[in-house]
C-alpha atoms as a PDB file:
ATOM      1  CA  GLY A   1       0.000   0.000   0.000  1.00  0.00           C
ATOM      2  CA  SER A   2       0.956   3.636  -0.176  1.00  0.00           C
ATOM      3  CA  PHE A   3      -0.109   7.191   0.455  1.00  0.00           C
ATOM      4  CA  CYS A   4       0.924  10.287  -1.457  1.00  0.00           C
ATOM      5  CA  ARG A   5       0.204  13.986  -1.277  1.00  0.00           C
ATOM      6  CA  SER A   6      -2.300  14.396  -4.097  1.00  0.00           C
ATOM      7  CA  THR A   7      -1.493  18.052  -4.765  1.00  0.00           C
ATOM      8  CA  ASP A   8       2.052  19.303  -5.251  1.00  0.00           C
ATOM      9  CA  PHE A   9       3.310  22.012  -2.924  1.00  0.00           C
ATOM     10  CA  SER A  10       2.443  25.399  -4.376  1.00  0.00           C
ATOM     11  CA  GLY A  11       5.948  26.607  -5.137  1.00  0.00           C
ATOM     12  CA  ALA A  12       8.521  23.939  -4.384  1.00  0.00           C
ATOM     13  CA  PRO A  13      10.014  24.514  -0.907  1.00  0.00           C
ATOM     14  CA  THR A  14      13.800  24.594  -0.688  1.00  0.00           C
ATOM     15  CA  SER A  15      13.813  22.932   2.732  1.00  0.00           C
ATOM     16  CA  LEU A  16      11.464  20.762   4.781  1.00  0.00           C
ATOM     17  CA  ILE A  17      11.010  19.707   8.386  1.00  0.00           C
ATOM     18  CA  TYR A  18       8.767  16.648   8.170  1.00  0.00           C
ATOM     19  CA  LYS A  19       7.446  15.515  11.585  1.00  0.00           C
ATOM     20  CA  PHE A  20       5.309  12.456  12.288  1.00  0.00           C
ATOM     21  CA  ASP A  21       4.664   9.768  14.878  1.00  0.00           C
ATOM     22  CA  ILE A  22       5.189   6.146  13.858  1.00  0.00           C
ATOM     23  CA  GLN A  23       4.479   2.798  15.511  1.00  0.00           C
ATOM     24  CA  MET A  24       4.698  -0.794  14.259  1.00  0.00           C
ATOM     25  CA  SER A  25       2.699  -3.887  15.241  1.00  0.00           C
ATOM     26  CA  GLY A  26       1.822  -7.343  13.931  1.00  0.00           C
ATOM     27  CA  ASN A  27       5.368  -8.142  12.783  1.00  0.00           C
ATOM     28  CA  SER A  28       7.366 -11.322  13.449  1.00  0.00           C
ATOM     29  CA  THR A  29       9.731 -11.670  10.480  1.00  0.00           C
ATOM     30  CA  ALA A  30      12.574  -9.258   9.770  1.00  0.00           C
ATOM     31  CA  THR A  31      12.326  -7.506   6.395  1.00  0.00           C
ATOM     32  CA  THR A  32      14.904  -4.997   5.181  1.00  0.00           C
ATOM     33  CA  SER A  33      13.541  -1.932   3.381  1.00  0.00           C
ATOM     34  CA  ALA A  34       9.960  -3.111   3.691  1.00  0.00           C
ATOM     35  CA  ALA A  35       8.715   0.438   3.190  1.00  0.00           C
ATOM     36  CA  VAL A  36      10.110   3.757   2.055  1.00  0.00           C
ATOM     37  CA  LEU A  37       9.340   7.439   2.582  1.00  0.00           C
ATOM     38  CA  GLN A  38      10.291   9.634  -0.388  1.00  0.00           C
ATOM     39  CA  VAL A  39      10.391  13.339  -1.167  1.00  0.00           C
ATOM     40  CA  GLY A  40      10.975  14.573  -4.721  1.00  0.00           C
ATOM     41  CA  SER A  41       8.972  15.569  -7.782  1.00  0.00           C
ATOM     42  CA  GLY A  42       6.897  14.022 -10.549  1.00  0.00           C
ATOM     43  CA  PHE A  43       5.543  11.276  -8.275  1.00  0.00           C
ATOM     44  CA  SER A  44       2.638   9.072  -9.348  1.00  0.00           C
ATOM     45  CA  HIS A  45      -0.445   9.587  -7.195  1.00  0.00           C
ATOM     46  CA  THR A  46      -2.135   6.441  -8.476  1.00  0.00           C
ATOM     47  CA  THR A  47       0.541   3.715  -8.255  1.00  0.00           C
ATOM     48  CA  THR A  48       1.648   2.121  -4.967  1.00  0.00           C
ATOM     49  CA  GLY A  49       5.285   1.365  -5.781  1.00  0.00           C
ATOM     50  CA  ALA A  50       8.366   3.350  -4.833  1.00  0.00           C
ATOM     51  CA  GLU A  51       9.392   6.142  -7.176  1.00  0.00           C
ATOM     52  CA  ALA A  52      12.451   5.996  -9.448  1.00  0.00           C
ATOM     53  CA  ASN A  53      15.657   7.309  -7.879  1.00  0.00           C
ATOM     54  CA  ALA A  54      15.904  10.010 -10.527  1.00  0.00           C
ATOM     55  CA  ASP A  55      12.651  11.527  -9.213  1.00  0.00           C
ATOM     56  CA  VAL A  56      13.648  11.401  -5.530  1.00  0.00           C
ATOM     57  CA  HIS A  57      15.571  14.066  -3.654  1.00  0.00           C
ATOM     58  CA  SER A  58      15.601  12.335  -0.251  1.00  0.00           C
ATOM     59  CA  ARG A  59      14.363   8.956   0.963  1.00  0.00           C
ATOM     60  CA  ILE A  60      14.476   6.763   4.061  1.00  0.00           C
ATOM     61  CA  ALA A  61      13.490   3.121   4.255  1.00  0.00           C
ATOM     62  CA  ILE A  62      11.787   1.344   7.155  1.00  0.00           C
ATOM     63  CA  ASN A  63      12.990  -2.103   8.218  1.00  0.00           C
ATOM     64  CA  VAL A  64      10.478  -4.454   9.839  1.00  0.00           C
ATOM     65  CA  GLY A  65      11.922  -6.128  12.937  1.00  0.00           C
ATOM     66  CA  SER A  66      11.675  -9.789  13.924  1.00  0.00           C
ATOM     67  CA  ALA A  67      10.307  -8.952  17.392  1.00  0.00           C
ATOM     68  CA  SER A  68       6.786  -7.599  17.562  1.00  0.00           C
ATOM     69  CA  GLY A  69       6.680  -3.815  17.529  1.00  0.00           C
ATOM     70  CA  THR A  70      10.339  -3.332  16.574  1.00  0.00           C
ATOM     71  CA  PHE A  71      11.616  -1.509  13.495  1.00  0.00           C
ATOM     72  CA  ALA A  72      14.509   0.590  12.230  1.00  0.00           C
ATOM     73  CA  PHE A  73      15.172   3.219   9.603  1.00  0.00           C
ATOM     74  CA  ARG A  74      17.642   2.586   6.788  1.00  0.00           C
ATOM     75  CA  ASN A  75      19.723   4.999   4.754  1.00  0.00           C
ATOM     76  CA  LEU A  76      19.344   3.493   1.301  1.00  0.00           C
ATOM     77  CA  GLY A  77      22.299   5.435  -0.076  1.00  0.00           C
ATOM     78  CA  THR A  78      24.802   3.945   2.393  1.00  0.00           C
ATOM     79  CA  SER A  79      22.901   0.771   3.431  1.00  0.00           C
ATOM     80  CA  VAL A  80      23.275   1.826   7.080  1.00  0.00           C
ATOM     81  CA  ASN A  81      20.517   0.986   9.568  1.00  0.00           C
ATOM     82  CA  SER A  82      19.548   3.045  12.591  1.00  0.00           C
ATOM     83  CA  THR A  83      19.330   1.607  16.074  1.00  0.00           C
ATOM     84  CA  THR A  84      16.319  -0.633  16.672  1.00  0.00           C
ATOM     85  CA  LEU A  85      13.219   1.284  17.746  1.00  0.00           C
ATOM     86  CA  SER A  86       9.962   0.202  19.376  1.00  0.00           C
ATOM     87  CA  GLY A  87       6.767   1.748  20.631  1.00  0.00           C
ATOM     88  CA  SER A  88       5.549   5.089  19.331  1.00  0.00           C
ATOM     89  CA  GLN A  89       8.375   7.265  18.040  1.00  0.00           C
ATOM     90  CA  SER A  90       8.176  10.972  17.231  1.00  0.00           C
ATOM     91  CA  MET A  91      10.265  11.462  14.096  1.00  0.00           C
ATOM     92  CA  THR A  92      11.791  14.652  12.694  1.00  0.00           C
ATOM     93  CA  TRP A  93      13.136  14.426   9.139  1.00  0.00           C
ATOM     94  CA  VAL A  94      14.977  17.560   7.980  1.00  0.00           C
ATOM     95  CA  MET A  95      15.856  18.109   4.294  1.00  0.00           C
ATOM     96  CA  ASN A  96      17.861  20.905   2.680  1.00  0.00           C
ATOM     97  CA  ASN A  97      17.713  21.806  -1.025  1.00  0.00           C
ATOM     98  CA  SER A  98      18.383  25.531  -0.587  1.00  0.00           C
ATOM     99  CA  GLY A  99      21.780  25.758  -2.272  1.00  0.00           C
ATOM    100  CA  GLY A 100      23.646  26.408   0.992  1.00  0.00           C
ATOM    101  CA  SER A 101      23.894  25.343   4.624  1.00  0.00           C
ATOM    102  CA  LEU A 102      20.951  26.048   6.948  1.00  0.00           C
ATOM    103  CA  THR A 103      20.434  26.030  10.710  1.00  0.00           C
ATOM    104  CA  TYR A 104      17.394  24.541  12.450  1.00  0.00           C
ATOM    105  CA  LYS A 105      16.293  24.019  16.028  1.00  0.00           C
ATOM    106  CA  ALA A 106      16.654  20.299  16.746  1.00  0.00           C
ATOM    107  CA  PRO A 107      14.269  18.251  18.914  1.00  0.00           C
ATOM    108  CA  ASP A 108      16.851  18.233  21.725  1.00  0.00           C
ATOM    109  CA  GLY A 109      16.795  22.056  21.858  1.00  0.00           C
ATOM    110  CA  SER A 110      20.175  22.553  20.170  1.00  0.00           C
ATOM    111  CA  TYR A 111      20.720  24.404  16.897  1.00  0.00           C
ATOM    112  CA  GLU A 112      21.965  22.111  14.140  1.00  0.00           C
ATOM    113  CA  SER A 113      23.631  22.957  10.839  1.00  0.00           C
ATOM    114  CA  ILE A 114      22.561  20.960   7.789  1.00  0.00           C
ATOM    115  CA  ALA A 115      24.534  21.015   4.537  1.00  0.00           C
ATOM    116  CA  ASN A 116      22.943  21.583   1.147  1.00  0.00           C
ATOM    117  CA  ASP A 117      21.313  18.531  -0.477  1.00  0.00           C
ATOM    118  CA  THR A 118      21.499  16.412   2.664  1.00  0.00           C
ATOM    119  CA  PHE A 119      19.039  15.242   5.312  1.00  0.00           C
ATOM    120  CA  ASP A 120      19.003  14.587   9.065  1.00  0.00           C
ATOM    121  CA  LEU A 121      16.699  12.151  10.836  1.00  0.00           C
ATOM    122  CA  TRP A 122      15.754  12.226  14.534  1.00  0.00           C
ATOM    123  CA  ALA A 123      13.785   9.798  16.714  1.00  0.00           C
ATOM    124  CA  GLY A 124      12.689  11.896  19.665  1.00  0.00           C
ATOM    125  CA  THR A 125      15.834  13.714  20.807  1.00  0.00           C
ATOM    126  CA  THR A 126      18.222  11.129  19.303  1.00  0.00           C
ATOM    127  CA  LYS A 127      19.785  11.855  15.930  1.00  0.00           C
ATOM    128  CA  LEU A 128      19.752   8.711  13.773  1.00  0.00           C
ATOM    129  CA  PHE A 129      21.263  10.107  10.550  1.00  0.00           C
ATOM    130  CA  ASN A 130      23.375  13.245  10.087  1.00  0.00           C
ATOM    131  CA  ASP A 131      23.995  15.132   6.823  1.00  0.00           C
ATOM    132  CA  ASN A 132      23.152  12.103   4.679  1.00  0.00           C
ATOM    133  CA  ALA A 133      23.504  12.824   0.962  1.00  0.00           C
ATOM    134  CA  ALA A 134      20.399  13.325  -1.164  1.00  0.00           C
ATOM    135  CA  THR A 135      19.548  10.626  -3.702  1.00  0.00           C
ATOM    136  CA  THR A 136      19.247  13.094  -6.605  1.00  0.00           C
ATOM    137  CA  SER A 137      20.370  16.591  -5.683  1.00  0.00           C
ATOM    138  CA  SER A 138      18.804  18.189  -8.773  1.00  0.00           C
ATOM    139  CA  GLN A 139      15.314  17.190  -7.653  1.00  0.00           C
ATOM    140  CA  THR A 140      12.955  19.521  -5.805  1.00  0.00           C
ATOM    141  CA  LEU A 141      10.952  18.917  -2.611  1.00  0.00           C
ATOM    142  CA  THR A 142       7.581  19.033  -4.376  1.00  0.00           C
ATOM    143  CA  ASP A 143       6.000  15.621  -3.638  1.00  0.00           C
ATOM    144  CA  ILE A 144       5.822  13.286  -0.623  1.00  0.00           C
ATOM    145  CA  LYS A 145       5.049   9.571  -0.875  1.00  0.00           C
ATOM    146  CA  PHE A 146       5.073   6.491   1.377  1.00  0.00           C
ATOM    147  CA  SER A 147       5.207   2.988  -0.134  1.00  0.00           C
ATOM    148  CA  PHE A 148       4.923  -0.316   1.774  1.00  0.00           C
ATOM    149  CA  THR A 149       6.027  -2.973  -0.711  1.00  0.00           C
ATOM    150  CA  SER A 150       7.194  -6.047   1.250  1.00  0.00           C
ATOM    151  CA  GLY A 151       7.037  -7.733   4.626  1.00  0.00           C
ATOM    152  CA  THR A 152       4.140  -8.172   7.032  1.00  0.00           C
ATOM    153  CA  ALA A 153       3.283  -5.565   9.647  1.00  0.00           C
ATOM    154  CA  THR A 154       0.966  -2.720  10.468  1.00  0.00           C
ATOM    155  CA  ILE A 155       2.634   0.687  10.358  1.00  0.00           C
ATOM    156  CA  ASP A 156       0.673   3.459  12.045  1.00  0.00           C
ATOM    157  CA  PHE A 157       1.371   7.124  11.252  1.00  0.00           C
ATOM    158  CA  ASP A 158      -0.074  10.094  13.093  1.00  0.00           C
ATOM    159  CA  ASN A 159       0.409  13.810  13.797  1.00  0.00           C
ATOM    160  CA  PHE A 160       1.944  14.926  10.501  1.00  0.00           C
ATOM    161  CA  VAL A 161       3.457  18.428  10.475  1.00  0.00           C
ATOM    162  CA  ILE A 162       5.311  19.694   7.392  1.00  0.00           C
ATOM    163  CA  ASP A 163       7.097  23.066   7.447  1.00  0.00           C
ATOM    164  CA  PRO A 164      10.086  24.704   5.790  1.00  0.00           C
ATOM    165  CA  ILE A 165      13.170  25.272   7.941  1.00  0.00           C
ATOM    166  CA  PRO A 166      12.606  28.636   9.688  1.00  0.00           C
ATOM    167  CA  ASN A 167      15.108  31.416   9.195  1.00  0.00           C
ATOM    168  CA  ALA A 168      18.240  30.952  11.289  1.00  0.00           C
ATOM    169  CA  PRO A 169      18.055  32.311  14.839  1.00  0.00           C
ATOM    170  CA  SER A 170      19.424  35.791  15.343  1.00  0.00           C
ATOM    171  CA  THR A 171      20.460  37.888  18.320  1.00  0.00           C
ATOM    172  CA  PRO A 172      17.900  40.651  18.962  1.00  0.00           C
ATOM    173  CA  THR A 173      18.496  43.966  20.701  1.00  0.00           C
ATOM    174  CA  SER A 174      17.196  45.080  24.092  1.00  0.00           C
ATOM    175  CA  SER A 175      15.594  48.246  25.416  1.00  0.00           C
ATOM    176  CA  SER A 176      13.741  49.448  28.535  1.00  0.00           C
ATOM    177  CA  VAL A 177      16.267  47.586  30.672  1.00  0.00           C
ATOM    178  CA  GLY A 178      15.319  47.681  34.361  1.00  0.00           C
ATOM    179  CA  THR A 179      16.029  45.795  37.568  1.00  0.00           C
ATOM    180  CA  SER A 180      13.375  43.147  36.875  1.00  0.00           C
ATOM    181  CA  GLY A 181      13.059  42.987  33.104  1.00  0.00           C
ATOM    182  CA  PHE A 182      13.716  44.356  29.629  1.00  0.00           C
ATOM    183  CA  THR A 183      12.161  44.470  26.173  1.00  0.00           C
ATOM    184  CA  VAL A 184      13.506  42.327  23.334  1.00  0.00           C
ATOM    185  CA  ASN A 185      13.389  43.917  19.857  1.00  0.00           C
ATOM    186  CA  TRP A 186      14.060  42.456  16.405  1.00  0.00           C
ATOM    187  CA  TRP A 187      13.643  43.212  12.710  1.00  0.00           C
ATOM    188  CA  ALA A 188      10.650  41.738  10.907  1.00  0.00           C
ATOM    189  CA  VAL A 189      11.423  38.768   8.624  1.00  0.00           C
ATOM    190  CA  THR A 190       9.700  38.681   5.231  1.00  0.00           C
ATOM    191  CA  GLY A 191       7.172  35.832   5.054  1.00  0.00           C
ATOM    192  CA  ALA A 192       7.249  35.113   8.789  1.00  0.00           C
ATOM    193  CA  THR A 193       3.895  34.327  10.412  1.00  0.00           C
ATOM    194  CA  GLY A 194       5.317  34.531  13.926  1.00  0.00           C
ATOM    195  CA  TYR A 195       8.449  34.168  15.981  1.00  0.00           C
ATOM    196  CA  ARG A 196       9.891  31.948  18.729  1.00  0.00           C
ATOM    197  CA  LEU A 197      11.822  33.582  21.559  1.00  0.00           C
ATOM    198  CA  ASP A 198      14.399  32.050  23.915  1.00  0.00           C
ATOM    199  CA  VAL A 199      15.694  33.825  27.020  1.00  0.00           C
ATOM    200  CA  ALA A 200      18.360  32.177  29.167  1.00  0.00           C
ATOM    201  CA  THR A 201      20.967  32.926  31.820  1.00  0.00           C
ATOM    202  CA  ASP A 202      23.794  31.438  29.728  1.00  0.00           C
ATOM    203  CA  SER A 203      25.026  32.053  26.189  1.00  0.00           C
ATOM    204  CA  GLY A 204      24.685  28.352  25.361  1.00  0.00           C
ATOM    205  CA  PHE A 205      20.937  28.513  26.077  1.00  0.00           C
ATOM    206  CA  THR A 206      20.805  25.566  28.447  1.00  0.00           C
ATOM    207  CA  SER A 207      19.286  27.414  31.443  1.00  0.00           C
ATOM    208  CA  PHE A 208      16.087  28.973  30.173  1.00  0.00           C
ATOM    209  CA  VAL A 209      14.007  31.571  31.973  1.00  0.00           C
ATOM    210  CA  THR A 210      10.676  29.987  32.892  1.00  0.00           C
ATOM    211  CA  GLY A 211       8.204  30.525  30.059  1.00  0.00           C
ATOM    212  CA  TYR A 212      10.850  31.568  27.538  1.00  0.00           C
ATOM    213  CA  ASN A 213      11.980  28.309  25.973  1.00  0.00           C
ATOM    214  CA  ASP A 214      10.738  28.439  22.356  1.00  0.00           C
ATOM    215  CA  ARG A 215       7.984  30.869  23.367  1.00  0.00           C
ATOM    216  CA  ALA A 216       5.581  31.872  20.596  1.00  0.00           C
ATOM    217  CA  VAL A 217       5.544  35.656  20.119  1.00  0.00           C
ATOM    218  CA  SER A 218       4.242  38.066  17.487  1.00  0.00           C
ATOM    219  CA  GLY A 219       5.177  41.520  16.270  1.00  0.00           C
ATOM    220  CA  THR A 220       8.767  42.718  16.575  1.00  0.00           C
ATOM    221  CA  SER A 221       9.168  43.134  20.337  1.00  0.00           C
ATOM    222  CA  GLN A 222       8.429  41.298  23.561  1.00  0.00           C
ATOM    223  CA  ALA A 223       8.587  42.470  27.184  1.00  0.00           C
ATOM    224  CA  VAL A 224      10.354  40.016  29.511  1.00  0.00           C
ATOM    225  CA  THR A 225       9.483  40.525  33.186  1.00  0.00           C
ATOM    226  CA  GLY A 226      10.034  38.909  36.568  1.00  0.00           C
ATOM    227  CA  LEU A 227      13.827  38.727  36.216  1.00  0.00           C
ATOM    228  CA  ALA A 228      16.468  38.906  38.947  1.00  0.00           C
ATOM    229  CA  ALA A 229      18.537  42.065  39.418  1.00  0.00           C
ATOM    230  CA  GLY A 230      22.268  41.755  38.809  1.00  0.00           C
ATOM    231  CA  THR A 231      21.896  38.743  36.479  1.00  0.00           C
ATOM    232  CA  THR A 232      23.011  38.642  32.843  1.00  0.00           C
ATOM    233  CA  TYR A 233      20.376  37.378  30.412  1.00  0.00           C
ATOM    234  CA  TYR A 234      20.655  36.268  26.774  1.00  0.00           C
ATOM    235  CA  ALA A 235      17.924  36.308  24.124  1.00  0.00           C
ATOM    236  CA  ARG A 236      17.502  34.909  20.622  1.00  0.00           C
ATOM    237  CA  LYS A 237      14.583  34.590  18.231  1.00  0.00           C
ATOM    238  CA  THR A 238      13.618  32.380  15.294  1.00  0.00           C
ATOM    239  CA  ALA A 239      11.232  33.350  12.496  1.00  0.00           C
ATOM    240  CA  ILE A 240       8.409  30.886  11.748  1.00  0.00           C
ATOM    241  CA  VAL A 241       7.050  30.379   8.230  1.00  0.00           C
ATOM    242  CA  THR A 242       3.890  28.288   7.986  1.00  0.00           C
ATOM    243  CA  GLY A 243       4.146  25.242   5.703  1.00  0.00           C
ATOM    244  CA  LYS A 244       1.670  24.449   2.936  1.00  0.00           C
END
């Protein structure tokens, strides 16, 4: 079986963050590359098979495990398998076709760099694949397709979210600095539908101020209150662009 986005993205995105939850059941026999997730262009919306490599920018296979509920992801380009997974896993698949390196906020809260025409894959806060080369770098990120072509199992998907990589975080300016707070200011980003703001007591952003870890904000300024006098604070923001 398969599923495929029936309408191409309106204007091919140059990057994607593809999030979904996945769980496997009903399996007892190991099968390598039983299924594959593909992103590219010119995909068939009526056939169930995997697309030709020439039409695929990035792809990851799913291996069915021999123990019930177990599975792994496979990099088809290098024939490398991820660690064995089980239960429900929240996946983050990041693809870059922008022509240069990009930075994204990873599931573990760090900021990761991803090279052009590569992809990263995360299971929860664990990175499974890092800067893996695209299958066909000249392809766009227009279509998405899943194909389950061999093996026996039930693969459940849920909670799909597809967005472009937001603009890289930047360091905003401050004003109205007082003993218990300040105002964070930044320039508007073209195409942004909102912003995320981090405020921390360290430059590595590991000790966040309560309520300011990836906080959703709008406009081009945000008042931060309830702070301690005599403490140095750091702020950064990320622009959010809604996916299609």
